[in-house]
Amino acid sequence: MRGIAQRIFLSVLLLAGTSTLLFSQDPGPKQDMKNAGHETKQAAKDAGHATKSATKKTGHAVKRGTKRAAHKTARKTREGAEKVEDKTSPQ
């Protein structure tokens, strides 16, 4: 008898505990507003980080492209100068 009574008592406690947890899941409108604010803040931070990353990548690409263009221009200028020198040198 004692074992059965303990099992029933534990079952009732378990059911009471889970039912309280199930019914207390609704945090209410105030907490919903707080959660919305936190989510908005996090979304803004994520957007800011993405913008920073994109800006860095773009800046590096522009810098690299500018350097390549400057070097290519200098190379072609040298080639042109050599051609002129070859044409104007006495033979």
C-alpha atoms as a PDB file:
ATOM      1  CA  MET A   1       0.000   0.000   0.000  1.00  0.00           C
ATOM      2  CA  ARG A   2       2.705   2.415   0.920  1.00  0.00           C
ATOM      3  CA  GLY A   3       4.473   2.045  -2.480  1.00  0.00           C
ATOM      4  CA  ILE A   4       1.246   2.697  -4.370  1.00  0.00           C
ATOM      5  CA  ALA A   5       0.489   5.781  -2.275  1.00  0.00           C
ATOM      6  CA  GLN A   6       3.981   7.160  -2.914  1.00  0.00           C
ATOM      7  CA  ARG A   7       3.640   6.602  -6.676  1.00  0.00           C
ATOM      8  CA  ILE A   8       0.257   8.322  -6.748  1.00  0.00           C
ATOM      9  CA  PHE A   9       1.588  11.208  -4.678  1.00  0.00           C
ATOM     10  CA  LEU A  10       4.632  11.628  -6.952  1.00  0.00           C
ATOM     11  CA  SER A  11       2.411  11.440 -10.040  1.00  0.00           C
ATOM     12  CA  VAL A  12       0.151  14.160  -8.668  1.00  0.00           C
ATOM     13  CA  LEU A  13       3.156  16.354  -7.851  1.00  0.00           C
ATOM     14  CA  LEU A  14       4.616  15.777 -11.303  1.00  0.00           C
ATOM     15  CA  LEU A  15       1.356  16.655 -13.010  1.00  0.00           C
ATOM     16  CA  ALA A  16       0.886  19.729 -10.853  1.00  0.00           C
ATOM     17  CA  GLY A  17       4.422  20.912 -11.608  1.00  0.00           C
ATOM     18  CA  THR A  18       4.113  20.444 -15.358  1.00  0.00           C
ATOM     19  CA  SER A  19       0.674  22.033 -15.484  1.00  0.00           C
ATOM     20  CA  THR A  20       1.994  25.108 -13.668  1.00  0.00           C
ATOM     21  CA  LEU A  21       4.827  25.367 -16.159  1.00  0.00           C
ATOM     22  CA  LEU A  22       2.435  24.986 -19.061  1.00  0.00           C
ATOM     23  CA  PHE A  23       0.112  27.704 -17.842  1.00  0.00           C
ATOM     24  CA  SER A  24       2.854  30.155 -16.938  1.00  0.00           C
ATOM     25  CA  GLN A  25       4.334  30.254 -20.450  1.00  0.00           C
ATOM     26  CA  ASP A  26       2.510  33.453 -21.427  1.00  0.00           C
ATOM     27  CA  PRO A  27       4.864  36.269 -20.384  1.00  0.00           C
ATOM     28  CA  GLY A  28       2.328  38.998 -21.065  1.00  0.00           C
ATOM     29  CA  PRO A  29       2.316  42.055 -23.283  1.00  0.00           C
ATOM     30  CA  LYS A  30       4.966  43.920 -21.306  1.00  0.00           C
ATOM     31  CA  GLN A  31       7.518  41.163 -21.778  1.00  0.00           C
ATOM     32  CA  ASP A  32       6.513  40.867 -25.445  1.00  0.00           C
ATOM     33  CA  MET A  33       7.370  44.531 -25.941  1.00  0.00           C
ATOM     34  CA  LYS A  34      10.704  44.079 -24.174  1.00  0.00           C
ATOM     35  CA  ASN A  35      11.523  41.081 -26.345  1.00  0.00           C
ATOM     36  CA  ALA A  36      10.605  43.039 -29.478  1.00  0.00           C
ATOM     37  CA  GLY A  37      12.911  45.846 -28.396  1.00  0.00           C
ATOM     38  CA  HIS A  38      15.803  43.464 -27.783  1.00  0.00           C
ATOM     39  CA  GLU A  39      15.260  41.759 -31.132  1.00  0.00           C
ATOM     40  CA  THR A  40      15.161  45.112 -32.908  1.00  0.00           C
ATOM     41  CA  LYS A  41      18.373  46.161 -31.209  1.00  0.00           C
ATOM     42  CA  GLN A  42      20.080  42.921 -32.198  1.00  0.00           C
ATOM     43  CA  ALA A  43      18.881  43.264 -35.802  1.00  0.00           C
ATOM     44  CA  ALA A  44      20.286  46.805 -35.971  1.00  0.00           C
ATOM     45  CA  LYS A  45      23.616  45.612 -34.587  1.00  0.00           C
ATOM     46  CA  ASP A  46      23.750  42.785 -37.123  1.00  0.00           C
ATOM     47  CA  ALA A  47      22.985  45.211 -39.948  1.00  0.00           C
ATOM     48  CA  GLY A  48      25.734  47.533 -38.724  1.00  0.00           C
ATOM     49  CA  HIS A  49      28.265  44.718 -38.633  1.00  0.00           C
ATOM     50  CA  ALA A  50      27.290  43.628 -42.144  1.00  0.00           C
ATOM     51  CA  THR A  51      27.685  47.202 -43.391  1.00  0.00           C
ATOM     52  CA  LYS A  52      31.104  47.442 -41.792  1.00  0.00           C
ATOM     53  CA  SER A  53      32.212  44.202 -43.417  1.00  0.00           C
ATOM     54  CA  ALA A  54      30.912  45.210 -46.841  1.00  0.00           C
ATOM     55  CA  THR A  55      32.579  48.619 -46.574  1.00  0.00           C
ATOM     56  CA  LYS A  56      35.903  47.042 -45.678  1.00  0.00           C
ATOM     57  CA  LYS A  57      35.727  44.608 -48.588  1.00  0.00           C
ATOM     58  CA  THR A  58      34.793  47.346 -51.020  1.00  0.00           C
ATOM     59  CA  GLY A  59      37.535  49.638 -49.748  1.00  0.00           C
ATOM     60  CA  HIS A  60      40.160  46.937 -50.130  1.00  0.00           C
ATOM     61  CA  ALA A  61      38.951  46.121 -53.644  1.00  0.00           C
ATOM     62  CA  VAL A  62      39.067  49.788 -54.674  1.00  0.00           C
ATOM     63  CA  LYS A  63      42.554  50.174 -53.242  1.00  0.00           C
ATOM     64  CA  ARG A  64      43.773  47.092 -55.071  1.00  0.00           C
ATOM     65  CA  GLY A  65      42.172  48.190 -58.342  1.00  0.00           C
ATOM     66  CA  THR A  66      43.701  51.652 -58.060  1.00  0.00           C
ATOM     67  CA  LYS A  67      47.164  50.224 -57.424  1.00  0.00           C
ATOM     68  CA  ARG A  68      46.841  47.858 -60.368  1.00  0.00           C
ATOM     69  CA  ALA A  69      45.744  50.677 -62.650  1.00  0.00           C
ATOM     70  CA  ALA A  70      48.623  52.908 -61.514  1.00  0.00           C
ATOM     71  CA  HIS A  71      51.185  50.148 -62.058  1.00  0.00           C
ATOM     72  CA  LYS A  72      49.760  49.243 -65.442  1.00  0.00           C
ATOM     73  CA  THR A  73      49.835  52.897 -66.490  1.00  0.00           C
ATOM     74  CA  ALA A  74      53.440  53.251 -65.361  1.00  0.00           C
ATOM     75  CA  ARG A  75      54.401  50.063 -67.211  1.00  0.00           C
ATOM     76  CA  LYS A  76      52.782  51.242 -70.443  1.00  0.00           C
ATOM     77  CA  THR A  77      54.381  54.668 -70.070  1.00  0.00           C
ATOM     78  CA  ARG A  78      57.793  53.024 -69.739  1.00  0.00           C
ATOM     79  CA  GLU A  79      57.118  50.883 -72.825  1.00  0.00           C
ATOM     80  CA  GLY A  80      56.046  53.944 -74.810  1.00  0.00           C
ATOM     81  CA  ALA A  81      59.125  55.876 -73.712  1.00  0.00           C
ATOM     82  CA  GLU A  82      61.356  52.992 -74.765  1.00  0.00           C
ATOM     83  CA  LYS A  83      59.678  52.882 -78.191  1.00  0.00           C
ATOM     84  CA  VAL A  84      60.222  56.615 -78.669  1.00  0.00           C
ATOM     85  CA  GLU A  85      63.824  56.282 -77.526  1.00  0.00           C
ATOM     86  CA  ASP A  86      64.416  53.451 -79.993  1.00  0.00           C
ATOM     87  CA  LYS A  87      62.918  55.507 -82.843  1.00  0.00           C
ATOM     88  CA  THR A  88      64.880  58.671 -82.026  1.00  0.00           C
ATOM     89  CA  SER A  89      68.247  57.093 -81.296  1.00  0.00           C
ATOM     90  CA  PRO A  90      70.866  57.453 -84.022  1.00  0.00           C
ATOM     91  CA  GLN A  91      71.421  54.272 -85.985  1.00  0.00           C
END
